[in-house]
């Protein structure tokens, strides 16, 4: 079993409140869940209105499949015009890592 994770540090556009931030972040999270069948959550910067960190996780029997899904998710997020992608962090873990 392989678990792939990726985090996105995002700078949001012209956002002046946490309510506006939710209007940016919620659709991104929902679309990633629906389109790629991954687990997604806002994982950091909840108290900042122009920054967001979104975490994504995928589980697969094959390492290659994890990498493919993470690549597709990253390309999708990077193409969104309303956000600036500041950085990403990616890891693929397997169930033998701790043995």
PDB file of N, CA and C in Angstrom:
ATOM      1  N   UNK A   1       0.848  -1.181   0.000  1.00  0.00           N
ATOM      2  CA  UNK A   1       0.000   0.000   0.000  1.00  0.00           C
ATOM      3  C   UNK A   1       0.889   1.238   0.000  1.00  0.00           C
ATOM      4  N   UNK A   2       0.501   2.222  -0.780  1.00  0.00           N
ATOM      5  CA  UNK A   2       1.217   3.488  -0.857  1.00  0.00           C
ATOM      6  C   UNK A   2       0.263   4.632  -0.542  1.00  0.00           C
ATOM      7  N   UNK A   3       0.782   5.613   0.178  1.00  0.00           N
ATOM      8  CA  UNK A   3       0.020   6.814   0.498  1.00  0.00           C
ATOM      9  C   UNK A   3       0.809   8.004  -0.033  1.00  0.00           C
ATOM     10  N   UNK A   4       0.203   8.739  -0.935  1.00  0.00           N
ATOM     11  CA  UNK A   4       0.836   9.934  -1.479  1.00  0.00           C
ATOM     12  C   UNK A   4       0.200  11.162  -0.870  1.00  0.00           C
ATOM     13  N   UNK A   5       1.038  12.120  -0.482  1.00  0.00           N
ATOM     14  CA  UNK A   5       0.526  13.372   0.076  1.00  0.00           C
ATOM     15  C   UNK A   5       1.181  14.544  -0.630  1.00  0.00           C
ATOM     16  N   UNK A   6       0.425  15.614  -0.744  1.00  0.00           N
ATOM     17  CA  UNK A   6       0.953  16.851  -1.296  1.00  0.00           C
ATOM     18  C   UNK A   6       0.277  18.010  -0.570  1.00  0.00           C
ATOM     19  N   UNK A   7       1.055  19.035  -0.282  1.00  0.00           N
ATOM     20  CA  UNK A   7       0.488  20.248   0.312  1.00  0.00           C
ATOM     21  C   UNK A   7       0.761  21.411  -0.633  1.00  0.00           C
ATOM     22  N   UNK A   8      -0.181  22.332  -0.645  1.00  0.00           N
ATOM     23  CA  UNK A   8      -0.085  23.522  -1.471  1.00  0.00           C
ATOM     24  C   UNK A   8      -0.152  24.754  -0.577  1.00  0.00           C
ATOM     25  N   UNK A   9       0.850  25.598  -0.652  1.00  0.00           N
ATOM     26  CA  UNK A   9       0.829  26.880   0.045  1.00  0.00           C
ATOM     27  C   UNK A   9       0.345  27.897  -0.978  1.00  0.00           C
ATOM     28  N   UNK A  10      -0.804  28.484  -0.724  1.00  0.00           N
ATOM     29  CA  UNK A  10      -1.463  29.340  -1.702  1.00  0.00           C
ATOM     30  C   UNK A  10      -1.570  30.778  -1.221  1.00  0.00           C
ATOM     31  N   UNK A  11      -1.407  31.691  -2.157  1.00  0.00           N
ATOM     32  CA  UNK A  11      -1.701  33.099  -1.928  1.00  0.00           C
ATOM     33  C   UNK A  11      -2.969  33.389  -2.718  1.00  0.00           C
ATOM     34  N   UNK A  12      -3.991  33.829  -2.011  1.00  0.00           N
ATOM     35  CA  UNK A  12      -5.282  34.084  -2.645  1.00  0.00           C
ATOM     36  C   UNK A  12      -5.312  35.490  -3.221  1.00  0.00           C
ATOM     37  N   UNK A  13      -6.157  35.687  -4.190  1.00  0.00           N
ATOM     38  CA  UNK A  13      -6.260  36.986  -4.864  1.00  0.00           C
ATOM     39  C   UNK A  13      -6.738  38.095  -3.947  1.00  0.00           C
ATOM     40  N   UNK A  14      -7.639  38.890  -4.418  1.00  0.00           N
ATOM     41  CA  UNK A  14      -8.138  40.063  -3.698  1.00  0.00           C
ATOM     42  C   UNK A  14      -9.140  39.634  -2.631  1.00  0.00           C
ATOM     43  N   UNK A  15      -8.616  39.115  -1.527  1.00  0.00           N
ATOM     44  CA  UNK A  15      -9.444  38.607  -0.428  1.00  0.00           C
ATOM     45  C   UNK A  15      -9.230  39.505   0.774  1.00  0.00           C
ATOM     46  N   UNK A  16     -10.343  39.985   1.350  1.00  0.00           N
ATOM     47  CA  UNK A  16     -10.235  40.913   2.480  1.00  0.00           C
ATOM     48  C   UNK A  16     -10.869  40.407   3.772  1.00  0.00           C
ATOM     49  N   UNK A  17     -11.386  39.172   3.730  1.00  0.00           N
ATOM     50  CA  UNK A  17     -12.005  38.631   4.944  1.00  0.00           C
ATOM     51  C   UNK A  17     -11.920  37.112   4.913  1.00  0.00           C
ATOM     52  N   UNK A  18     -12.138  36.508   6.080  1.00  0.00           N
ATOM     53  CA  UNK A  18     -12.157  35.052   6.143  1.00  0.00           C
ATOM     54  C   UNK A  18     -13.356  34.480   5.397  1.00  0.00           C
ATOM     55  N   UNK A  19     -14.448  35.232   5.359  1.00  0.00           N
ATOM     56  CA  UNK A  19     -15.618  34.794   4.603  1.00  0.00           C
ATOM     57  C   UNK A  19     -15.296  34.727   3.112  1.00  0.00           C
ATOM     58  N   UNK A  20     -14.607  35.716   2.582  1.00  0.00           N
ATOM     59  CA  UNK A  20     -14.190  35.690   1.183  1.00  0.00           C
ATOM     60  C   UNK A  20     -13.205  34.545   0.932  1.00  0.00           C
ATOM     61  N   UNK A  21     -12.322  34.316   1.907  1.00  0.00           N
ATOM     62  CA  UNK A  21     -11.362  33.227   1.780  1.00  0.00           C
ATOM     63  C   UNK A  21     -12.091  31.895   1.615  1.00  0.00           C
ATOM     64  N   UNK A  22     -13.111  31.663   2.430  1.00  0.00           N
ATOM     65  CA  UNK A  22     -13.885  30.423   2.317  1.00  0.00           C
ATOM     66  C   UNK A  22     -14.491  30.273   0.934  1.00  0.00           C
ATOM     67  N   UNK A  23     -14.884  31.393   0.328  1.00  0.00           N
ATOM     68  CA  UNK A  23     -15.468  31.360  -1.013  1.00  0.00           C
ATOM     69  C   UNK A  23     -14.433  30.931  -2.058  1.00  0.00           C
ATOM     70  N   UNK A  24     -13.159  31.122  -1.782  1.00  0.00           N
ATOM     71  CA  UNK A  24     -12.088  30.652  -2.668  1.00  0.00           C
ATOM     72  C   UNK A  24     -11.739  29.194  -2.382  1.00  0.00           C
ATOM     73  N   UNK A  25     -11.565  28.879  -1.097  1.00  0.00           N
ATOM     74  CA  UNK A  25     -11.011  27.585  -0.703  1.00  0.00           C
ATOM     75  C   UNK A  25     -12.019  26.452  -0.846  1.00  0.00           C
ATOM     76  N   UNK A  26     -13.249  26.652  -0.425  1.00  0.00           N
ATOM     77  CA  UNK A  26     -14.253  25.573  -0.471  1.00  0.00           C
ATOM     78  C   UNK A  26     -14.434  24.977  -1.864  1.00  0.00           C
ATOM     79  N   UNK A  27     -14.568  25.790  -2.913  1.00  0.00           N
ATOM     80  CA  UNK A  27     -14.724  25.200  -4.245  1.00  0.00           C
ATOM     81  C   UNK A  27     -13.489  24.414  -4.703  1.00  0.00           C
ATOM     82  N   UNK A  28     -12.308  24.860  -4.322  1.00  0.00           N
ATOM     83  CA  UNK A  28     -11.091  24.128  -4.687  1.00  0.00           C
ATOM     84  C   UNK A  28     -11.088  22.762  -4.019  1.00  0.00           C
ATOM     85  N   UNK A  29     -11.362  22.748  -2.718  1.00  0.00           N
ATOM     86  CA  UNK A  29     -11.389  21.496  -1.960  1.00  0.00           C
ATOM     87  C   UNK A  29     -12.450  20.553  -2.525  1.00  0.00           C
ATOM     88  N   UNK A  30     -13.639  21.052  -2.772  1.00  0.00           N
ATOM     89  CA  UNK A  30     -14.731  20.214  -3.287  1.00  0.00           C
ATOM     90  C   UNK A  30     -14.405  19.658  -4.671  1.00  0.00           C
ATOM     91  N   UNK A  31     -13.840  20.497  -5.514  1.00  0.00           N
ATOM     92  CA  UNK A  31     -13.518  20.046  -6.868  1.00  0.00           C
ATOM     93  C   UNK A  31     -12.423  18.981  -6.866  1.00  0.00           C
ATOM     94  N   UNK A  32     -11.403  19.155  -6.032  1.00  0.00           N
ATOM     95  CA  UNK A  32     -10.346  18.146  -5.957  1.00  0.00           C
ATOM     96  C   UNK A  32     -10.894  16.820  -5.460  1.00  0.00           C
ATOM     97  N   UNK A  33     -11.762  16.849  -4.452  1.00  0.00           N
ATOM     98  CA  UNK A  33     -12.386  15.616  -3.939  1.00  0.00           C
ATOM     99  C   UNK A  33     -13.170  14.908  -5.033  1.00  0.00           C
ATOM    100  N   UNK A  34     -14.004  15.677  -5.713  1.00  0.00           N
ATOM    101  CA  UNK A  34     -14.898  15.107  -6.720  1.00  0.00           C
ATOM    102  C   UNK A  34     -14.121  14.613  -7.945  1.00  0.00           C
ATOM    103  N   UNK A  35     -13.226  15.427  -8.438  1.00  0.00           N
ATOM    104  CA  UNK A  35     -12.556  15.123  -9.695  1.00  0.00           C
ATOM    105  C   UNK A  35     -11.503  14.018  -9.569  1.00  0.00           C
ATOM    106  N   UNK A  36     -10.761  13.994  -8.460  1.00  0.00           N
ATOM    107  CA  UNK A  36      -9.644  13.065  -8.324  1.00  0.00           C
ATOM    108  C   UNK A  36      -9.862  11.980  -7.279  1.00  0.00           C
ATOM    109  N   UNK A  37     -10.985  12.018  -6.564  1.00  0.00           N
ATOM    110  CA  UNK A  37     -11.307  11.032  -5.536  1.00  0.00           C
ATOM    111  C   UNK A  37     -10.176  10.910  -4.514  1.00  0.00           C
ATOM    112  N   UNK A  38      -9.803  12.039  -3.934  1.00  0.00           N
ATOM    113  CA  UNK A  38      -8.738  12.126  -2.934  1.00  0.00           C
ATOM    114  C   UNK A  38      -9.303  12.730  -1.659  1.00  0.00           C
ATOM    115  N   UNK A  39      -8.548  12.594  -0.577  1.00  0.00           N
ATOM    116  CA  UNK A  39      -8.892  13.268   0.674  1.00  0.00           C
ATOM    117  C   UNK A  39      -8.239  14.650   0.635  1.00  0.00           C
ATOM    118  N   UNK A  40      -9.010  15.686   0.981  1.00  0.00           N
ATOM    119  CA  UNK A  40      -8.522  17.070   0.887  1.00  0.00           C
ATOM    120  C   UNK A  40      -9.004  17.854   2.097  1.00  0.00           C
ATOM    121  N   UNK A  41      -8.138  18.744   2.598  1.00  0.00           N
ATOM    122  CA  UNK A  41      -8.530  19.625   3.700  1.00  0.00           C
ATOM    123  C   UNK A  41      -7.639  20.858   3.703  1.00  0.00           C
ATOM    124  N   UNK A  42      -8.180  21.951   4.236  1.00  0.00           N
ATOM    125  CA  UNK A  42      -7.349  23.112   4.532  1.00  0.00           C
ATOM    126  C   UNK A  42      -6.603  22.763   5.812  1.00  0.00           C
ATOM    127  N   UNK A  43      -5.271  22.798   5.775  1.00  0.00           N
ATOM    128  CA  UNK A  43      -4.487  22.280   6.890  1.00  0.00           C
ATOM    129  C   UNK A  43      -3.664  23.324   7.635  1.00  0.00           C
ATOM    130  N   UNK A  44      -3.618  24.556   7.139  1.00  0.00           N
ATOM    131  CA  UNK A  44      -2.830  25.585   7.812  1.00  0.00           C
ATOM    132  C   UNK A  44      -3.299  26.958   7.353  1.00  0.00           C
ATOM    133  N   UNK A  45      -2.898  27.975   8.075  1.00  0.00           N
ATOM    134  CA  UNK A  45      -3.216  29.385   7.772  1.00  0.00           C
ATOM    135  C   UNK A  45      -4.717  29.680   7.854  1.00  0.00           C
ATOM    136  N   UNK A  46      -5.454  28.960   8.684  1.00  0.00           N
ATOM    137  CA  UNK A  46      -6.892  29.185   8.790  1.00  0.00           C
ATOM    138  C   UNK A  46      -7.235  30.585   9.273  1.00  0.00           C
ATOM    139  N   UNK A  47      -6.330  31.221  10.007  1.00  0.00           N
ATOM    140  CA  UNK A  47      -6.617  32.547  10.558  1.00  0.00           C
ATOM    141  C   UNK A  47      -6.134  33.697   9.670  1.00  0.00           C
ATOM    142  N   UNK A  48      -5.491  33.380   8.556  1.00  0.00           N
ATOM    143  CA  UNK A  48      -5.022  34.407   7.618  1.00  0.00           C
ATOM    144  C   UNK A  48      -5.971  34.475   6.425  1.00  0.00           C
ATOM    145  N   UNK A  49      -6.353  35.672   6.019  1.00  0.00           N
ATOM    146  CA  UNK A  49      -7.360  35.757   4.964  1.00  0.00           C
ATOM    147  C   UNK A  49      -6.793  35.679   3.551  1.00  0.00           C
ATOM    148  N   UNK A  50      -5.502  35.895   3.336  1.00  0.00           N
ATOM    149  CA  UNK A  50      -4.951  35.830   1.978  1.00  0.00           C
ATOM    150  C   UNK A  50      -4.088  34.597   1.742  1.00  0.00           C
ATOM    151  N   UNK A  51      -3.903  33.765   2.755  1.00  0.00           N
ATOM    152  CA  UNK A  51      -3.090  32.560   2.612  1.00  0.00           C
ATOM    153  C   UNK A  51      -3.925  31.338   2.957  1.00  0.00           C
ATOM    154  N   UNK A  52      -3.597  30.231   2.290  1.00  0.00           N
ATOM    155  CA  UNK A  52      -4.236  28.958   2.588  1.00  0.00           C
ATOM    156  C   UNK A  52      -3.232  27.854   2.314  1.00  0.00           C
ATOM    157  N   UNK A  53      -3.291  26.823   3.121  1.00  0.00           N
ATOM    158  CA  UNK A  53      -2.516  25.622   2.833  1.00  0.00           C
ATOM    159  C   UNK A  53      -3.503  24.472   2.740  1.00  0.00           C
ATOM    160  N   UNK A  54      -3.467  23.805   1.612  1.00  0.00           N
ATOM    161  CA  UNK A  54      -4.376  22.690   1.361  1.00  0.00           C
ATOM    162  C   UNK A  54      -3.554  21.417   1.288  1.00  0.00           C
ATOM    163  N   UNK A  55      -4.016  20.387   1.987  1.00  0.00           N
ATOM    164  CA  UNK A  55      -3.364  19.083   1.965  1.00  0.00           C
ATOM    165  C   UNK A  55      -4.221  18.079   1.225  1.00  0.00           C
ATOM    166  N   UNK A  56      -3.566  17.229   0.445  1.00  0.00           N
ATOM    167  CA  UNK A  56      -4.244  16.210  -0.352  1.00  0.00           C
ATOM    168  C   UNK A  56      -3.567  14.877  -0.088  1.00  0.00           C
ATOM    169  N   UNK A  57      -4.367  13.812   0.033  1.00  0.00           N
ATOM    170  CA  UNK A  57      -3.823  12.464   0.228  1.00  0.00           C
ATOM    171  C   UNK A  57      -4.537  11.484  -0.694  1.00  0.00           C
ATOM    172  N   UNK A  58      -3.762  10.530  -1.191  1.00  0.00           N
ATOM    173  CA  UNK A  58      -4.302   9.468  -2.046  1.00  0.00           C
ATOM    174  C   UNK A  58      -3.691   8.145  -1.601  1.00  0.00           C
ATOM    175  N   UNK A  59      -4.477   7.088  -1.662  1.00  0.00           N
ATOM    176  CA  UNK A  59      -4.014   5.747  -1.302  1.00  0.00           C
ATOM    177  C   UNK A  59      -4.146   4.858  -2.525  1.00  0.00           C
ATOM    178  N   UNK A  60      -3.096   4.057  -2.779  1.00  0.00           N
ATOM    179  CA  UNK A  60      -3.118   3.166  -3.935  1.00  0.00           C
ATOM    180  C   UNK A  60      -2.258   1.942  -3.659  1.00  0.00           C
ATOM    181  N   UNK A  61      -2.516   0.895  -4.409  1.00  0.00           N
ATOM    182  CA  UNK A  61      -1.691  -0.307  -4.320  1.00  0.00           C
ATOM    183  C   UNK A  61      -0.364  -0.115  -5.043  1.00  0.00           C
ATOM    184  N   UNK A  62      -0.280   0.894  -5.924  1.00  0.00           N
ATOM    185  CA  UNK A  62       0.919   1.108  -6.730  1.00  0.00           C
ATOM    186  C   UNK A  62       1.483   2.506  -6.509  1.00  0.00           C
ATOM    187  N   UNK A  63       2.788   2.593  -6.333  1.00  0.00           N
ATOM    188  CA  UNK A  63       3.455   3.874  -6.160  1.00  0.00           C
ATOM    189  C   UNK A  63       3.252   4.766  -7.386  1.00  0.00           C
ATOM    190  N   UNK A  64       3.324   4.171  -8.558  1.00  0.00           N
ATOM    191  CA  UNK A  64       3.159   4.921  -9.803  1.00  0.00           C
ATOM    192  C   UNK A  64       1.800   5.615  -9.864  1.00  0.00           C
ATOM    193  N   UNK A  65       0.776   4.929  -9.418  1.00  0.00           N
ATOM    194  CA  UNK A  65      -0.574   5.519  -9.432  1.00  0.00           C
ATOM    195  C   UNK A  65      -0.660   6.710  -8.482  1.00  0.00           C
ATOM    196  N   UNK A  66      -0.057   6.602  -7.312  1.00  0.00           N
ATOM    197  CA  UNK A  66      -0.012   7.740  -6.378  1.00  0.00           C
ATOM    198  C   UNK A  66       0.643   8.942  -7.048  1.00  0.00           C
ATOM    199  N   UNK A  67       1.782   8.710  -7.689  1.00  0.00           N
ATOM    200  CA  UNK A  67       2.502   9.798  -8.351  1.00  0.00           C
ATOM    201  C   UNK A  67       1.669  10.419  -9.464  1.00  0.00           C
ATOM    202  N   UNK A  68       0.966   9.606 -10.234  1.00  0.00           N
ATOM    203  CA  UNK A  68       0.125  10.119 -11.322  1.00  0.00           C
ATOM    204  C   UNK A  68      -0.987  11.013 -10.789  1.00  0.00           C
ATOM    205  N   UNK A  69      -1.635  10.567  -9.725  1.00  0.00           N
ATOM    206  CA  UNK A  69      -2.726  11.352  -9.147  1.00  0.00           C
ATOM    207  C   UNK A  69      -2.187  12.663  -8.573  1.00  0.00           C
ATOM    208  N   UNK A  70      -1.076  12.603  -7.849  1.00  0.00           N
ATOM    209  CA  UNK A  70      -0.496  13.822  -7.284  1.00  0.00           C
ATOM    210  C   UNK A  70      -0.068  14.794  -8.386  1.00  0.00           C
ATOM    211  N   UNK A  71       0.486  14.278  -9.470  1.00  0.00           N
ATOM    212  CA  UNK A  71       0.850  15.135 -10.612  1.00  0.00           C
ATOM    213  C   UNK A  71      -0.378  15.842 -11.176  1.00  0.00           C
ATOM    214  N   UNK A  72      -1.444  15.091 -11.373  1.00  0.00           N
ATOM    215  CA  UNK A  72      -2.666  15.663 -11.940  1.00  0.00           C
ATOM    216  C   UNK A  72      -3.273  16.713 -11.014  1.00  0.00           C
ATOM    217  N   UNK A  73      -3.287  16.433  -9.715  1.00  0.00           N
ATOM    218  CA  UNK A  73      -3.816  17.381  -8.732  1.00  0.00           C
ATOM    219  C   UNK A  73      -2.977  18.662  -8.744  1.00  0.00           C
ATOM    220  N   UNK A  74      -1.648  18.498  -8.759  1.00  0.00           N
ATOM    221  CA  UNK A  74      -0.769  19.673  -8.762  1.00  0.00           C
ATOM    222  C   UNK A  74      -0.970  20.530 -10.012  1.00  0.00           C
ATOM    223  N   UNK A  75      -1.077  19.903 -11.161  1.00  0.00           N
ATOM    224  CA  UNK A  75      -1.313  20.650 -12.401  1.00  0.00           C
ATOM    225  C   UNK A  75      -2.648  21.382 -12.345  1.00  0.00           C
ATOM    226  N   UNK A  76      -3.647  20.735 -11.799  1.00  0.00           N
ATOM    227  CA  UNK A  76      -4.969  21.349 -11.706  1.00  0.00           C
ATOM    228  C   UNK A  76      -4.947  22.587 -10.806  1.00  0.00           C
ATOM    229  N   UNK A  77      -4.307  22.473  -9.662  1.00  0.00           N
ATOM    230  CA  UNK A  77      -4.233  23.606  -8.732  1.00  0.00           C
ATOM    231  C   UNK A  77      -3.401  24.734  -9.347  1.00  0.00           C
ATOM    232  N   UNK A  78      -2.290  24.403  -9.982  1.00  0.00           N
ATOM    233  CA  UNK A  78      -1.405  25.414 -10.559  1.00  0.00           C
ATOM    234  C   UNK A  78      -2.083  26.212 -11.681  1.00  0.00           C
ATOM    235  N   UNK A  79      -3.056  25.622 -12.349  1.00  0.00           N
ATOM    236  CA  UNK A  79      -3.748  26.303 -13.460  1.00  0.00           C
ATOM    237  C   UNK A  79      -4.845  27.260 -13.008  1.00  0.00           C
ATOM    238  N   UNK A  80      -5.172  27.253 -11.748  1.00  0.00           N
ATOM    239  CA  UNK A  80      -6.266  28.114 -11.290  1.00  0.00           C
ATOM    240  C   UNK A  80      -5.815  29.570 -11.299  1.00  0.00           C
ATOM    241  N   UNK A  81      -6.519  30.436 -12.018  1.00  0.00           N
ATOM    242  CA  UNK A  81      -6.075  31.827 -12.168  1.00  0.00           C
ATOM    243  C   UNK A  81      -6.275  32.691 -10.929  1.00  0.00           C
ATOM    244  N   UNK A  82      -7.158  32.306 -10.030  1.00  0.00           N
ATOM    245  CA  UNK A  82      -7.477  33.155  -8.882  1.00  0.00           C
ATOM    246  C   UNK A  82      -6.513  32.988  -7.716  1.00  0.00           C
ATOM    247  N   UNK A  83      -5.566  32.064  -7.838  1.00  0.00           N
ATOM    248  CA  UNK A  83      -4.608  31.830  -6.765  1.00  0.00           C
ATOM    249  C   UNK A  83      -3.185  31.842  -7.314  1.00  0.00           C
ATOM    250  N   UNK A  84      -2.247  32.094  -6.404  1.00  0.00           N
ATOM    251  CA  UNK A  84      -0.829  31.975  -6.735  1.00  0.00           C
ATOM    252  C   UNK A  84      -0.270  30.832  -5.899  1.00  0.00           C
ATOM    253  N   UNK A  85       0.323  29.877  -6.571  1.00  0.00           N
ATOM    254  CA  UNK A  85       0.906  28.720  -5.899  1.00  0.00           C
ATOM    255  C   UNK A  85       2.303  29.101  -5.424  1.00  0.00           C
ATOM    256  N   UNK A  86       2.477  29.244  -4.105  1.00  0.00           N
ATOM    257  CA  UNK A  86       3.761  29.654  -3.542  1.00  0.00           C
ATOM    258  C   UNK A  86       4.735  28.489  -3.431  1.00  0.00           C
ATOM    259  N   UNK A  87       4.248  27.336  -2.991  1.00  0.00           N
ATOM    260  CA  UNK A  87       5.120  26.164  -2.872  1.00  0.00           C
ATOM    261  C   UNK A  87       4.281  24.907  -2.735  1.00  0.00           C
ATOM    262  N   UNK A  88       4.932  23.786  -2.966  1.00  0.00           N
ATOM    263  CA  UNK A  88       4.303  22.482  -2.765  1.00  0.00           C
ATOM    264  C   UNK A  88       5.273  21.599  -1.996  1.00  0.00           C
ATOM    265  N   UNK A  89       4.725  20.622  -1.315  1.00  0.00           N
ATOM    266  CA  UNK A  89       5.524  19.604  -0.640  1.00  0.00           C
ATOM    267  C   UNK A  89       4.888  18.264  -0.904  1.00  0.00           C
ATOM    268  N   UNK A  90       5.683  17.299  -1.333  1.00  0.00           N
ATOM    269  CA  UNK A  90       5.132  16.015  -1.752  1.00  0.00           C
ATOM    270  C   UNK A  90       5.929  14.867  -1.130  1.00  0.00           C
ATOM    271  N   UNK A  91       5.186  13.818  -0.745  1.00  0.00           N
ATOM    272  CA  UNK A  91       5.814  12.583  -0.238  1.00  0.00           C
ATOM    273  C   UNK A  91       4.971  11.401  -0.641  1.00  0.00           C
ATOM    274  N   UNK A  92       5.640  10.294  -0.866  1.00  0.00           N
ATOM    275  CA  UNK A  92       4.947   9.022  -1.062  1.00  0.00           C
ATOM    276  C   UNK A  92       5.505   8.056  -0.017  1.00  0.00           C
ATOM    277  N   UNK A  93       4.620   7.528   0.796  1.00  0.00           N
ATOM    278  CA  UNK A  93       4.973   6.612   1.875  1.00  0.00           C
ATOM    279  C   UNK A  93       4.476   5.224   1.485  1.00  0.00           C
ATOM    280  N   UNK A  94       5.162   4.205   1.965  1.00  0.00           N
ATOM    281  CA  UNK A  94       4.601   2.851   1.792  1.00  0.00           C
ATOM    282  C   UNK A  94       4.493   2.187   3.148  1.00  0.00           C
ATOM    283  N   UNK A  95       3.752   1.106   3.194  1.00  0.00           N
ATOM    284  CA  UNK A  95       3.489   0.461   4.487  1.00  0.00           C
ATOM    285  C   UNK A  95       4.714  -0.236   5.059  1.00  0.00           C
ATOM    286  N   UNK A  96       5.807  -0.285   4.324  1.00  0.00           N
ATOM    287  CA  UNK A  96       7.038  -0.892   4.830  1.00  0.00           C
ATOM    288  C   UNK A  96       8.018   0.154   5.357  1.00  0.00           C
ATOM    289  N   UNK A  97       7.675   1.442   5.302  1.00  0.00           N
ATOM    290  CA  UNK A  97       8.556   2.513   5.762  1.00  0.00           C
ATOM    291  C   UNK A  97       8.960   2.357   7.224  1.00  0.00           C
ATOM    292  N   UNK A  98       8.053   1.872   8.064  1.00  0.00           N
ATOM    293  CA  UNK A  98       8.303   1.789   9.498  1.00  0.00           C
ATOM    294  C   UNK A  98       8.867   0.445   9.925  1.00  0.00           C
ATOM    295  N   UNK A  99       9.060  -0.427   9.005  1.00  0.00           N
ATOM    296  CA  UNK A  99       9.542  -1.783   9.369  1.00  0.00           C
ATOM    297  C   UNK A  99      11.024  -1.847   9.377  1.00  0.00           C
TER     298      UNK A  99
END
